[in-house]
Amino acid sequence: MESKIAKYGFWGVVIAAVITGAIGLYIHLDGKAEAAKFADSKQEADKSKNTANLTISNIYVPPINTSLDSAFFVQIQNNSLNLAKDVVVKINFGESSVSSCETMPAKLISNEKIVSSIISFSVGDIQRKDSLYVYCLLSHPVFESILLTGSNLFSNELYEFKQYIPSTKDNNSSFIKFFKVIASIVAVIFIGYFTILTLSALNRRFGVDPSKW
């Protein structure tokens, strides 16, 4: 009976070690990936002290389409300590037609020259901590992309419509978290179930009968 117990215990330890090793390997690789990502970000941040960084924020389009023109709004801000030079803004409104646009604080768009769903205009320089505001009226409450370029930008800034997160998705975040918790519990149950099946198969393979212990 001692040999049977030894066999049973041995295979249990082996399976537990395999599961633990797989989890440990995943954590190790994930940690290395995060460390590499952090190192790359730091290296890029130290690359140059003469560049500027623009951000695209406060984007708004209505959640529904109506018979009236839909509003589009975006704020472009220089969050760096340097002057952003030769800035060019390009907005692709995709399937939406543009009836009019206005920029603040300076008027940079001529509505008479808007002939397509893509508008592009030169901003010039944006002082540090200053913002540019763009307001348009569209046939549909959608856009494809917003692209910012400049001669001394740290990198071109691109914002796409798929990044725009309506409030409805925020309302579903609690449900997603709940689903993840349930999925984790189910995964643990299946791991335990298949572990028992594996041990039973090994017992049959080696002729071990736990009921006779």
N, C-alpha and C. Protein backbone atom coordinates (compact mmCIF):
# COMPACT_ATOMS: atom_id res chain seq x y z
N MET A 1 0.83 -1.21 0.00
CA MET A 1 0.00 0.00 0.00
C MET A 1 0.86 1.25 0.00
N GLU A 2 2.02 1.19 0.65
CA GLU A 2 2.90 2.33 0.68
C GLU A 2 3.38 2.70 -0.71
N SER A 3 3.64 1.67 -1.56
CA SER A 3 4.09 1.95 -2.91
C SER A 3 3.00 2.62 -3.72
N LYS A 4 1.74 2.22 -3.49
CA LYS A 4 0.63 2.84 -4.20
C LYS A 4 0.48 4.30 -3.79
N ILE A 5 0.59 4.55 -2.49
CA ILE A 5 0.50 5.93 -2.00
C ILE A 5 1.64 6.77 -2.58
N ALA A 6 2.80 6.17 -2.66
CA ALA A 6 3.96 6.87 -3.20
C ALA A 6 3.74 7.24 -4.65
N LYS A 7 3.18 6.28 -5.44
CA LYS A 7 2.91 6.56 -6.85
C LYS A 7 1.89 7.70 -6.99
N TYR A 8 0.82 7.62 -6.20
CA TYR A 8 -0.22 8.64 -6.26
C TYR A 8 0.34 10.02 -5.90
N GLY A 9 1.10 10.05 -4.79
CA GLY A 9 1.69 11.31 -4.36
C GLY A 9 2.70 11.84 -5.36
N PHE A 10 3.48 10.94 -5.98
CA PHE A 10 4.48 11.36 -6.94
C PHE A 10 3.85 12.07 -8.14
N TRP A 11 2.80 11.47 -8.72
CA TRP A 11 2.17 12.09 -9.87
C TRP A 11 1.44 13.38 -9.51
N GLY A 12 0.90 13.44 -8.31
CA GLY A 12 0.28 14.70 -7.87
C GLY A 12 1.29 15.82 -7.78
N VAL A 13 2.48 15.49 -7.25
CA VAL A 13 3.55 16.49 -7.16
C VAL A 13 4.01 16.92 -8.54
N VAL A 14 4.12 15.95 -9.47
CA VAL A 14 4.56 16.27 -10.83
C VAL A 14 3.59 17.23 -11.50
N ILE A 15 2.29 16.93 -11.41
CA ILE A 15 1.28 17.78 -12.05
C ILE A 15 1.26 19.17 -11.42
N ALA A 16 1.35 19.22 -10.09
CA ALA A 16 1.36 20.50 -9.40
C ALA A 16 2.59 21.31 -9.81
N ALA A 17 3.73 20.62 -9.96
CA ALA A 17 4.96 21.32 -10.36
C ALA A 17 4.84 21.88 -11.77
N VAL A 18 4.21 21.11 -12.67
CA VAL A 18 4.04 21.58 -14.05
C VAL A 18 3.16 22.83 -14.09
N ILE A 19 2.05 22.80 -13.35
CA ILE A 19 1.15 23.96 -13.32
C ILE A 19 1.84 25.17 -12.73
N THR A 20 2.55 24.95 -11.59
CA THR A 20 3.26 26.05 -10.95
C THR A 20 4.34 26.62 -11.84
N GLY A 21 5.06 25.72 -12.54
CA GLY A 21 6.11 26.18 -13.45
C GLY A 21 5.57 27.00 -14.60
N ALA A 22 4.43 26.58 -15.15
CA ALA A 22 3.82 27.32 -16.26
C ALA A 22 3.40 28.71 -15.82
N ILE A 23 2.80 28.80 -14.63
CA ILE A 23 2.39 30.11 -14.10
C ILE A 23 3.60 30.98 -13.84
N GLY A 24 4.66 30.39 -13.25
CA GLY A 24 5.87 31.15 -12.97
C GLY A 24 6.53 31.65 -14.24
N LEU A 25 6.54 30.81 -15.29
CA LEU A 25 7.14 31.21 -16.56
C LEU A 25 6.37 32.38 -17.17
N TYR A 26 5.04 32.30 -17.10
CA TYR A 26 4.22 33.39 -17.64
C TYR A 26 4.50 34.70 -16.91
N ILE A 27 4.57 34.66 -15.57
CA ILE A 27 4.83 35.87 -14.79
C ILE A 27 6.21 36.42 -15.12
N HIS A 28 7.20 35.52 -15.28
CA HIS A 28 8.56 35.94 -15.58
C HIS A 28 8.63 36.64 -16.93
N LEU A 29 8.03 36.04 -17.96
CA LEU A 29 8.07 36.63 -19.29
C LEU A 29 7.30 37.94 -19.34
N ASP A 30 6.16 37.98 -18.65
CA ASP A 30 5.37 39.20 -18.63
C ASP A 30 6.13 40.33 -17.93
N GLY A 31 6.83 39.98 -16.86
CA GLY A 31 7.62 40.97 -16.14
C GLY A 31 8.76 41.51 -16.98
N LYS A 32 9.42 40.63 -17.76
CA LYS A 32 10.51 41.07 -18.63
C LYS A 32 9.98 41.99 -19.73
N ALA A 33 8.79 41.67 -20.24
CA ALA A 33 8.21 42.51 -21.28
C ALA A 33 7.89 43.91 -20.76
N GLU A 34 7.35 43.97 -19.53
CA GLU A 34 7.04 45.26 -18.93
C GLU A 34 8.31 46.06 -18.67
N ALA A 35 9.35 45.38 -18.19
CA ALA A 35 10.62 46.07 -17.91
C ALA A 35 11.23 46.62 -19.20
N ALA A 36 11.16 45.85 -20.27
CA ALA A 36 11.69 46.30 -21.56
C ALA A 36 10.89 47.49 -22.08
N LYS A 37 9.58 47.44 -21.90
CA LYS A 37 8.73 48.55 -22.36
C LYS A 37 9.05 49.82 -21.59
N PHE A 38 9.28 49.69 -20.28
CA PHE A 38 9.61 50.86 -19.46
C PHE A 38 10.95 51.44 -19.87
N ALA A 39 11.94 50.57 -20.13
CA ALA A 39 13.26 51.03 -20.54
C ALA A 39 13.21 51.77 -21.87
N ASP A 40 12.42 51.24 -22.81
CA ASP A 40 12.28 51.89 -24.12
C ASP A 40 11.63 53.26 -23.98
N SER A 41 10.62 53.36 -23.11
CA SER A 41 9.93 54.63 -22.91
C SER A 41 10.87 55.67 -22.31
N LYS A 42 11.67 55.24 -21.36
CA LYS A 42 12.62 56.15 -20.72
C LYS A 42 13.68 56.62 -21.72
N GLN A 43 14.15 55.71 -22.55
CA GLN A 43 15.15 56.06 -23.55
C GLN A 43 14.60 57.07 -24.54
N GLU A 44 13.35 56.89 -24.96
CA GLU A 44 12.73 57.83 -25.89
C GLU A 44 12.52 59.19 -25.24
N ALA A 45 12.14 59.18 -23.95
CA ALA A 45 11.91 60.45 -23.26
C ALA A 45 13.18 61.26 -23.11
N ASP A 46 14.33 60.57 -22.98
CA ASP A 46 15.61 61.25 -22.83
C ASP A 46 16.28 61.56 -24.17
N LYS A 47 15.64 61.18 -25.27
CA LYS A 47 16.26 61.29 -26.58
C LYS A 47 16.56 62.75 -26.93
N SER A 48 15.66 63.64 -26.62
CA SER A 48 15.87 65.04 -26.97
C SER A 48 15.12 65.94 -26.02
N LYS A 49 15.75 67.05 -25.67
CA LYS A 49 15.13 68.03 -24.79
C LYS A 49 14.59 69.23 -25.57
N ASN A 50 14.71 69.18 -26.88
CA ASN A 50 14.29 70.31 -27.72
C ASN A 50 12.99 70.04 -28.46
N THR A 51 12.35 68.91 -28.18
CA THR A 51 11.12 68.58 -28.89
C THR A 51 9.90 69.02 -28.10
N ALA A 52 8.79 69.10 -28.79
CA ALA A 52 7.52 69.46 -28.17
C ALA A 52 6.57 68.28 -28.25
N ASN A 53 5.59 68.29 -27.38
CA ASN A 53 4.62 67.19 -27.32
C ASN A 53 3.22 67.76 -27.36
N LEU A 54 2.45 67.37 -28.37
CA LEU A 54 1.06 67.82 -28.50
C LEU A 54 0.12 66.68 -28.09
N THR A 55 -0.97 67.05 -27.47
CA THR A 55 -1.98 66.06 -27.09
C THR A 55 -3.32 66.43 -27.72
N ILE A 56 -4.09 65.38 -28.02
CA ILE A 56 -5.43 65.53 -28.57
C ILE A 56 -6.41 65.09 -27.48
N SER A 57 -7.30 65.98 -27.07
CA SER A 57 -8.18 65.66 -25.94
C SER A 57 -9.54 66.33 -26.10
N ASN A 58 -10.42 66.00 -25.15
CA ASN A 58 -11.77 66.58 -25.08
C ASN A 58 -12.54 66.47 -26.39
N ILE A 59 -12.34 65.36 -27.07
CA ILE A 59 -13.07 65.14 -28.33
C ILE A 59 -14.54 64.86 -28.02
N TYR A 60 -15.38 65.45 -28.84
CA TYR A 60 -16.82 65.20 -28.66
C TYR A 60 -17.53 65.14 -30.00
N VAL A 61 -18.36 64.11 -30.16
CA VAL A 61 -19.37 64.03 -31.21
C VAL A 61 -20.62 63.46 -30.55
N PRO A 62 -21.81 63.82 -31.00
CA PRO A 62 -23.03 63.32 -30.37
C PRO A 62 -23.14 61.80 -30.47
N PRO A 63 -23.79 61.16 -29.51
CA PRO A 63 -23.93 59.70 -29.55
C PRO A 63 -24.96 59.21 -30.57
N ILE A 64 -25.79 60.12 -31.10
CA ILE A 64 -26.80 59.72 -32.09
C ILE A 64 -26.75 60.67 -33.28
N ASN A 65 -27.28 60.19 -34.41
CA ASN A 65 -27.36 61.00 -35.62
C ASN A 65 -28.77 61.57 -35.74
N THR A 66 -28.87 62.83 -36.06
CA THR A 66 -30.17 63.48 -36.20
C THR A 66 -30.26 64.15 -37.57
N SER A 67 -31.40 64.77 -37.84
CA SER A 67 -31.57 65.48 -39.11
C SER A 67 -30.79 66.78 -39.14
N LEU A 68 -30.40 67.26 -37.96
CA LEU A 68 -29.58 68.47 -37.88
C LEU A 68 -28.11 68.10 -37.99
N ASP A 69 -27.29 69.10 -38.30
CA ASP A 69 -25.85 68.87 -38.34
C ASP A 69 -25.33 68.49 -36.96
N SER A 70 -24.34 67.61 -36.96
CA SER A 70 -23.73 67.14 -35.71
C SER A 70 -22.49 67.96 -35.39
N ALA A 71 -22.30 68.22 -34.12
CA ALA A 71 -21.15 69.00 -33.68
C ALA A 71 -19.93 68.11 -33.50
N PHE A 72 -18.79 68.66 -33.83
CA PHE A 72 -17.50 68.01 -33.60
C PHE A 72 -16.59 69.01 -32.89
N PHE A 73 -15.95 68.54 -31.84
CA PHE A 73 -15.06 69.43 -31.08
C PHE A 73 -13.80 68.67 -30.68
N VAL A 74 -12.66 69.35 -30.73
CA VAL A 74 -11.41 68.76 -30.28
C VAL A 74 -10.49 69.86 -29.75
N GLN A 75 -9.74 69.54 -28.71
CA GLN A 75 -8.74 70.44 -28.15
C GLN A 75 -7.35 69.89 -28.45
N ILE A 76 -6.49 70.73 -28.99
CA ILE A 76 -5.10 70.36 -29.26
C ILE A 76 -4.22 71.22 -28.37
N GLN A 77 -3.45 70.58 -27.51
CA GLN A 77 -2.70 71.34 -26.50
C GLN A 77 -1.22 71.00 -26.55
N ASN A 78 -0.40 72.01 -26.33
CA ASN A 78 1.05 71.83 -26.21
C ASN A 78 1.37 71.66 -24.73
N ASN A 79 1.61 70.42 -24.32
CA ASN A 79 1.86 70.13 -22.92
C ASN A 79 3.33 70.16 -22.55
N SER A 80 4.18 70.48 -23.49
CA SER A 80 5.61 70.48 -23.23
C SER A 80 6.08 71.86 -22.80
N LEU A 81 7.36 71.95 -22.49
CA LEU A 81 7.96 73.23 -22.10
C LEU A 81 8.58 73.95 -23.29
N ASN A 82 8.46 73.36 -24.48
CA ASN A 82 9.05 73.93 -25.68
C ASN A 82 7.97 74.39 -26.65
N LEU A 83 8.36 75.28 -27.52
CA LEU A 83 7.48 75.75 -28.58
C LEU A 83 7.27 74.64 -29.61
N ALA A 84 6.01 74.39 -29.98
CA ALA A 84 5.72 73.44 -31.05
C ALA A 84 5.72 74.19 -32.37
N LYS A 85 6.64 73.83 -33.27
CA LYS A 85 6.87 74.61 -34.48
C LYS A 85 6.21 73.97 -35.71
N ASP A 86 5.74 74.85 -36.59
CA ASP A 86 5.22 74.43 -37.91
C ASP A 86 4.18 73.32 -37.79
N VAL A 87 3.23 73.49 -36.91
CA VAL A 87 2.21 72.47 -36.67
C VAL A 87 1.19 72.45 -37.81
N VAL A 88 0.88 71.26 -38.27
CA VAL A 88 -0.15 71.08 -39.29
C VAL A 88 -1.19 70.10 -38.76
N VAL A 89 -2.46 70.44 -38.90
CA VAL A 89 -3.56 69.60 -38.44
C VAL A 89 -4.29 69.03 -39.65
N LYS A 90 -4.50 67.73 -39.63
CA LYS A 90 -5.24 67.07 -40.71
C LYS A 90 -6.34 66.21 -40.08
N ILE A 91 -7.59 66.52 -40.42
CA ILE A 91 -8.73 65.78 -39.87
C ILE A 91 -9.47 65.11 -41.02
N ASN A 92 -9.61 63.80 -40.91
CA ASN A 92 -10.35 63.03 -41.91
C ASN A 92 -11.71 62.67 -41.31
N PHE A 93 -12.77 63.23 -41.88
CA PHE A 93 -14.11 63.00 -41.35
C PHE A 93 -14.80 61.80 -42.01
N GLY A 94 -14.10 61.09 -42.89
CA GLY A 94 -14.64 59.87 -43.48
C GLY A 94 -15.92 60.10 -44.26
N GLU A 95 -16.98 59.42 -43.85
CA GLU A 95 -18.26 59.50 -44.57
C GLU A 95 -19.03 60.78 -44.28
N SER A 96 -18.57 61.55 -43.32
CA SER A 96 -19.26 62.79 -42.98
C SER A 96 -18.84 63.92 -43.91
N SER A 97 -19.79 64.70 -44.35
CA SER A 97 -19.48 65.92 -45.09
C SER A 97 -19.43 67.07 -44.09
N VAL A 98 -18.59 68.06 -44.38
CA VAL A 98 -18.35 69.17 -43.47
C VAL A 98 -19.03 70.42 -44.01
N SER A 99 -19.94 70.99 -43.21
CA SER A 99 -20.62 72.21 -43.65
C SER A 99 -19.84 73.45 -43.26
N SER A 100 -19.20 73.44 -42.08
CA SER A 100 -18.40 74.59 -41.66
C SER A 100 -17.50 74.19 -40.50
N CYS A 101 -16.42 74.95 -40.33
CA CYS A 101 -15.48 74.72 -39.23
C CYS A 101 -14.98 76.07 -38.72
N GLU A 102 -14.60 76.06 -37.46
CA GLU A 102 -14.04 77.26 -36.85
C GLU A 102 -12.93 76.85 -35.90
N THR A 103 -11.87 77.64 -35.86
CA THR A 103 -10.78 77.39 -34.92
C THR A 103 -10.63 78.58 -33.99
N MET A 104 -10.21 78.29 -32.78
CA MET A 104 -9.96 79.32 -31.78
C MET A 104 -8.61 79.02 -31.12
N PRO A 105 -7.85 80.03 -30.75
CA PRO A 105 -8.20 81.46 -30.74
C PRO A 105 -8.02 82.16 -32.08
N ALA A 106 -7.34 81.54 -33.04
CA ALA A 106 -7.13 82.18 -34.34
C ALA A 106 -7.98 81.50 -35.39
N LYS A 107 -8.43 82.27 -36.38
CA LYS A 107 -9.20 81.71 -37.48
C LYS A 107 -8.23 81.18 -38.53
N LEU A 108 -8.22 79.85 -38.68
CA LEU A 108 -7.24 79.20 -39.54
C LEU A 108 -7.88 78.45 -40.71
N ILE A 109 -9.22 78.36 -40.73
CA ILE A 109 -9.91 77.60 -41.77
C ILE A 109 -10.85 78.51 -42.53
N SER A 110 -10.79 78.44 -43.85
CA SER A 110 -11.74 79.16 -44.70
C SER A 110 -12.82 78.18 -45.14
N ASN A 111 -14.05 78.42 -44.70
CA ASN A 111 -15.15 77.50 -45.01
C ASN A 111 -15.42 77.41 -46.51
N GLU A 112 -15.06 78.44 -47.25
CA GLU A 112 -15.28 78.42 -48.69
C GLU A 112 -14.37 77.39 -49.37
N LYS A 113 -13.28 77.05 -48.71
CA LYS A 113 -12.32 76.12 -49.32
C LYS A 113 -12.54 74.67 -48.89
N ILE A 114 -13.56 74.43 -48.06
CA ILE A 114 -13.86 73.06 -47.64
C ILE A 114 -14.63 72.36 -48.76
N VAL A 115 -13.98 71.45 -49.46
CA VAL A 115 -14.62 70.79 -50.61
C VAL A 115 -14.65 69.26 -50.44
N SER A 116 -14.09 68.75 -49.36
CA SER A 116 -14.09 67.30 -49.14
C SER A 116 -14.23 67.02 -47.66
N SER A 117 -14.24 65.74 -47.32
CA SER A 117 -14.37 65.35 -45.92
C SER A 117 -13.03 65.37 -45.19
N ILE A 118 -11.98 65.78 -45.88
CA ILE A 118 -10.65 65.89 -45.26
C ILE A 118 -10.24 67.35 -45.24
N ILE A 119 -9.99 67.87 -44.06
CA ILE A 119 -9.52 69.25 -43.96
C ILE A 119 -8.10 69.24 -43.40
N SER A 120 -7.27 70.09 -43.94
CA SER A 120 -5.89 70.20 -43.51
C SER A 120 -5.52 71.67 -43.47
N PHE A 121 -4.92 72.10 -42.37
CA PHE A 121 -4.57 73.51 -42.25
C PHE A 121 -3.31 73.67 -41.40
N SER A 122 -2.58 74.73 -41.70
CA SER A 122 -1.35 75.03 -40.99
C SER A 122 -1.67 75.91 -39.78
N VAL A 123 -1.13 75.53 -38.65
CA VAL A 123 -1.35 76.28 -37.41
C VAL A 123 -0.20 77.23 -37.15
N GLY A 124 0.96 76.89 -37.65
CA GLY A 124 2.15 77.66 -37.31
C GLY A 124 2.73 77.14 -36.01
N ASP A 125 3.09 78.03 -35.11
CA ASP A 125 3.67 77.64 -33.83
C ASP A 125 2.62 77.68 -32.73
N ILE A 126 2.71 76.72 -31.83
CA ILE A 126 1.85 76.70 -30.64
C ILE A 126 2.75 76.88 -29.42
N GLN A 127 2.50 77.95 -28.69
CA GLN A 127 3.31 78.22 -27.51
C GLN A 127 3.10 77.13 -26.45
N ARG A 128 4.08 76.99 -25.59
CA ARG A 128 3.97 75.98 -24.53
C ARG A 128 2.76 76.28 -23.65
N LYS A 129 2.05 75.22 -23.32
CA LYS A 129 0.84 75.24 -22.48
C LYS A 129 -0.35 75.90 -23.16
N ASP A 130 -0.20 76.31 -24.42
CA ASP A 130 -1.33 76.89 -25.14
C ASP A 130 -2.14 75.79 -25.83
N SER A 131 -3.38 76.15 -26.21
CA SER A 131 -4.27 75.19 -26.86
C SER A 131 -4.88 75.79 -28.13
N LEU A 132 -5.21 74.89 -29.03
CA LEU A 132 -5.98 75.23 -30.22
C LEU A 132 -7.28 74.44 -30.16
N TYR A 133 -8.40 75.10 -30.45
CA TYR A 133 -9.71 74.46 -30.41
C TYR A 133 -10.31 74.44 -31.81
N VAL A 134 -10.85 73.28 -32.18
CA VAL A 134 -11.46 73.11 -33.49
C VAL A 134 -12.92 72.69 -33.30
N TYR A 135 -13.82 73.41 -33.95
CA TYR A 135 -15.26 73.12 -33.86
C TYR A 135 -15.82 73.05 -35.27
N CYS A 136 -16.52 71.94 -35.58
CA CYS A 136 -17.08 71.76 -36.92
C CYS A 136 -18.52 71.28 -36.84
N LEU A 137 -19.24 71.49 -37.94
CA LEU A 137 -20.59 70.95 -38.10
C LEU A 137 -20.55 69.91 -39.21
N LEU A 138 -21.04 68.69 -38.89
CA LEU A 138 -20.93 67.55 -39.80
C LEU A 138 -22.29 66.98 -40.13
N SER A 139 -22.32 66.24 -41.23
CA SER A 139 -23.57 65.56 -41.62
C SER A 139 -23.82 64.33 -40.76
N HIS A 140 -22.76 63.72 -40.23
CA HIS A 140 -22.87 62.54 -39.37
C HIS A 140 -21.92 62.69 -38.18
N PRO A 141 -22.27 62.14 -37.04
CA PRO A 141 -21.42 62.29 -35.84
C PRO A 141 -20.26 61.28 -35.81
N VAL A 142 -19.46 61.26 -36.86
CA VAL A 142 -18.33 60.34 -36.93
C VAL A 142 -17.15 61.05 -37.59
N PHE A 143 -15.96 60.51 -37.32
CA PHE A 143 -14.74 60.95 -38.01
C PHE A 143 -13.82 59.75 -38.08
N GLU A 144 -12.82 59.82 -38.93
CA GLU A 144 -11.89 58.71 -39.06
C GLU A 144 -10.61 58.92 -38.27
N SER A 145 -10.00 60.10 -38.43
CA SER A 145 -8.71 60.29 -37.75
C SER A 145 -8.38 61.77 -37.62
N ILE A 146 -7.51 62.05 -36.65
CA ILE A 146 -6.95 63.38 -36.44
C ILE A 146 -5.43 63.21 -36.40
N LEU A 147 -4.72 63.92 -37.25
CA LEU A 147 -3.28 63.78 -37.33
C LEU A 147 -2.61 65.13 -37.11
N LEU A 148 -1.63 65.15 -36.20
CA LEU A 148 -0.85 66.35 -35.92
C LEU A 148 0.60 66.10 -36.32
N THR A 149 1.17 67.02 -37.10
CA THR A 149 2.57 66.93 -37.48
C THR A 149 3.23 68.28 -37.20
N GLY A 150 4.55 68.25 -37.09
CA GLY A 150 5.30 69.47 -36.82
C GLY A 150 6.79 69.22 -36.99
N SER A 151 7.55 70.30 -37.15
CA SER A 151 8.98 70.15 -37.43
C SER A 151 9.79 69.71 -36.22
N ASN A 152 9.29 69.98 -35.00
CA ASN A 152 10.06 69.60 -33.81
C ASN A 152 9.26 68.78 -32.82
N LEU A 153 8.21 68.10 -33.31
CA LEU A 153 7.42 67.26 -32.41
C LEU A 153 8.21 66.00 -32.03
N PHE A 154 8.03 65.57 -30.79
CA PHE A 154 8.67 64.33 -30.35
C PHE A 154 8.23 63.18 -31.24
N SER A 155 6.95 63.17 -31.61
CA SER A 155 6.42 62.21 -32.58
C SER A 155 5.11 62.76 -33.10
N ASN A 156 4.74 62.36 -34.30
CA ASN A 156 3.43 62.76 -34.83
C ASN A 156 2.34 62.17 -33.95
N GLU A 157 1.29 62.92 -33.78
CA GLU A 157 0.18 62.49 -32.92
C GLU A 157 -1.00 62.09 -33.80
N LEU A 158 -1.44 60.83 -33.64
CA LEU A 158 -2.57 60.31 -34.42
C LEU A 158 -3.66 59.82 -33.48
N TYR A 159 -4.88 60.27 -33.72
CA TYR A 159 -6.03 59.83 -32.93
C TYR A 159 -7.09 59.32 -33.91
N GLU A 160 -7.53 58.07 -33.71
CA GLU A 160 -8.52 57.47 -34.60
C GLU A 160 -9.85 57.31 -33.89
N PHE A 161 -10.90 57.20 -34.69
CA PHE A 161 -12.25 57.14 -34.12
C PHE A 161 -12.44 55.93 -33.20
N LYS A 162 -11.73 54.84 -33.50
CA LYS A 162 -11.87 53.64 -32.67
C LYS A 162 -11.34 53.86 -31.26
N GLN A 163 -10.53 54.90 -31.08
CA GLN A 163 -10.03 55.23 -29.75
C GLN A 163 -11.05 56.03 -28.95
N TYR A 164 -12.01 56.58 -29.65
CA TYR A 164 -13.04 57.39 -28.99
C TYR A 164 -13.98 56.46 -28.22
N ILE A 165 -14.03 56.62 -26.94
CA ILE A 165 -14.80 55.70 -26.09
C ILE A 165 -16.04 56.42 -25.58
N PRO A 166 -17.22 56.08 -26.10
CA PRO A 166 -18.45 56.70 -25.59
C PRO A 166 -18.72 56.28 -24.15
N SER A 167 -19.59 57.01 -23.49
CA SER A 167 -19.91 56.74 -22.09
C SER A 167 -20.59 55.39 -21.91
N THR A 168 -21.21 54.85 -22.97
CA THR A 168 -21.89 53.56 -22.85
C THR A 168 -20.89 52.46 -22.53
N LYS A 169 -19.66 52.57 -23.07
CA LYS A 169 -18.65 51.56 -22.79
C LYS A 169 -18.19 51.66 -21.34
N ASP A 170 -18.14 52.90 -20.79
CA ASP A 170 -17.77 53.06 -19.40
C ASP A 170 -18.79 52.40 -18.48
N ASN A 171 -20.07 52.47 -18.87
CA ASN A 171 -21.11 51.86 -18.06
C ASN A 171 -21.00 50.35 -18.04
N ASN A 172 -20.38 49.76 -19.07
CA ASN A 172 -20.24 48.31 -19.14
C ASN A 172 -18.98 47.79 -18.48
N SER A 173 -18.14 48.71 -17.95
CA SER A 173 -16.86 48.28 -17.39
C SER A 173 -17.06 47.37 -16.19
N SER A 174 -18.07 47.64 -15.34
CA SER A 174 -18.30 46.80 -14.17
C SER A 174 -18.73 45.39 -14.58
N PHE A 175 -19.52 45.31 -15.66
CA PHE A 175 -19.92 43.99 -16.15
C PHE A 175 -18.72 43.22 -16.66
N ILE A 176 -17.79 43.90 -17.35
CA ILE A 176 -16.59 43.24 -17.86
C ILE A 176 -15.75 42.71 -16.72
N LYS A 177 -15.60 43.50 -15.66
CA LYS A 177 -14.83 43.05 -14.49
C LYS A 177 -15.49 41.82 -13.86
N PHE A 178 -16.83 41.86 -13.74
CA PHE A 178 -17.54 40.72 -13.16
C PHE A 178 -17.36 39.47 -14.01
N PHE A 179 -17.41 39.65 -15.34
CA PHE A 179 -17.22 38.51 -16.25
C PHE A 179 -15.83 37.92 -16.09
N LYS A 180 -14.81 38.77 -15.93
CA LYS A 180 -13.44 38.28 -15.76
C LYS A 180 -13.31 37.47 -14.48
N VAL A 181 -13.97 37.93 -13.40
CA VAL A 181 -13.91 37.19 -12.14
C VAL A 181 -14.55 35.81 -12.29
N ILE A 182 -15.73 35.77 -12.93
CA ILE A 182 -16.41 34.50 -13.15
C ILE A 182 -15.57 33.58 -14.01
N ALA A 183 -14.95 34.13 -15.07
CA ALA A 183 -14.12 33.32 -15.95
C ALA A 183 -12.93 32.73 -15.20
N SER A 184 -12.34 33.51 -14.29
CA SER A 184 -11.21 33.01 -13.50
C SER A 184 -11.64 31.87 -12.59
N ILE A 185 -12.81 32.00 -11.97
CA ILE A 185 -13.31 30.93 -11.09
C ILE A 185 -13.56 29.66 -11.89
N VAL A 186 -14.18 29.81 -13.07
CA VAL A 186 -14.44 28.65 -13.92
C VAL A 186 -13.13 27.99 -14.35
N ALA A 187 -12.12 28.81 -14.66
CA ALA A 187 -10.83 28.26 -15.08
C ALA A 187 -10.20 27.44 -13.96
N VAL A 188 -10.27 27.94 -12.73
CA VAL A 188 -9.72 27.20 -11.58
C VAL A 188 -10.45 25.87 -11.39
N ILE A 189 -11.78 25.90 -11.55
CA ILE A 189 -12.56 24.67 -11.39
C ILE A 189 -12.15 23.64 -12.45
N PHE A 190 -11.99 24.10 -13.71
CA PHE A 190 -11.60 23.18 -14.78
C PHE A 190 -10.20 22.63 -14.55
N ILE A 191 -9.29 23.44 -14.05
CA ILE A 191 -7.93 22.95 -13.76
C ILE A 191 -7.99 21.84 -12.71
N GLY A 192 -8.79 22.08 -11.65
CA GLY A 192 -8.94 21.04 -10.63
C GLY A 192 -9.58 19.79 -11.17
N TYR A 193 -10.58 19.97 -12.03
CA TYR A 193 -11.28 18.81 -12.61
C TYR A 193 -10.35 17.97 -13.48
N PHE A 194 -9.60 18.63 -14.36
CA PHE A 194 -8.70 17.89 -15.23
C PHE A 194 -7.52 17.30 -14.47
N THR A 195 -7.14 17.92 -13.34
CA THR A 195 -6.10 17.34 -12.50
C THR A 195 -6.57 16.01 -11.91
N ILE A 196 -7.83 16.00 -11.44
CA ILE A 196 -8.39 14.77 -10.88
C ILE A 196 -8.50 13.70 -11.95
N LEU A 197 -8.95 14.08 -13.16
CA LEU A 197 -9.03 13.10 -14.24
C LEU A 197 -7.66 12.52 -14.59
N THR A 198 -6.66 13.38 -14.59
CA THR A 198 -5.31 12.92 -14.92
C THR A 198 -4.80 11.95 -13.87
N LEU A 199 -5.01 12.30 -12.59
CA LEU A 199 -4.59 11.40 -11.50
C LEU A 199 -5.32 10.07 -11.58
N SER A 200 -6.62 10.10 -11.90
CA SER A 200 -7.38 8.85 -12.02
C SER A 200 -6.83 8.00 -13.17
N ALA A 201 -6.50 8.66 -14.30
CA ALA A 201 -5.94 7.93 -15.43
C ALA A 201 -4.59 7.30 -15.08
N LEU A 202 -3.80 8.01 -14.35
CA LEU A 202 -2.50 7.49 -13.93
C LEU A 202 -2.66 6.32 -12.97
N ASN A 203 -3.65 6.43 -12.09
CA ASN A 203 -3.91 5.33 -11.16
C ASN A 203 -4.31 4.05 -11.90
N ARG A 204 -5.18 4.21 -12.92
CA ARG A 204 -5.58 3.05 -13.71
C ARG A 204 -4.39 2.49 -14.49
N ARG A 205 -3.54 3.40 -14.98
CA ARG A 205 -2.38 2.96 -15.77
C ARG A 205 -1.42 2.13 -14.92
N PHE A 206 -1.26 2.51 -13.67
CA PHE A 206 -0.32 1.80 -12.80
C PHE A 206 -1.01 0.87 -11.81
N GLY A 207 -2.30 0.66 -12.01
CA GLY A 207 -3.01 -0.32 -11.18
C GLY A 207 -3.21 0.11 -9.74
N VAL A 208 -3.30 1.40 -9.48
CA VAL A 208 -3.49 1.87 -8.11
C VAL A 208 -4.97 2.06 -7.86
N ASP A 209 -5.48 1.46 -6.77
CA ASP A 209 -6.89 1.56 -6.40
C ASP A 209 -6.99 2.30 -5.08
N PRO A 210 -7.33 3.58 -5.08
CA PRO A 210 -7.38 4.34 -3.82
C PRO A 210 -8.43 3.80 -2.84
N SER A 211 -9.47 3.13 -3.29
CA SER A 211 -10.50 2.61 -2.38
C SER A 211 -9.98 1.51 -1.48
N LYS A 212 -8.86 0.90 -1.85
CA LYS A 212 -8.31 -0.20 -1.04
C LYS A 212 -7.25 0.28 -0.03
N TRP A 213 -7.06 1.61 0.03
CA TRP A 213 -6.07 2.11 0.97
C TRP A 213 -6.61 2.03 2.40
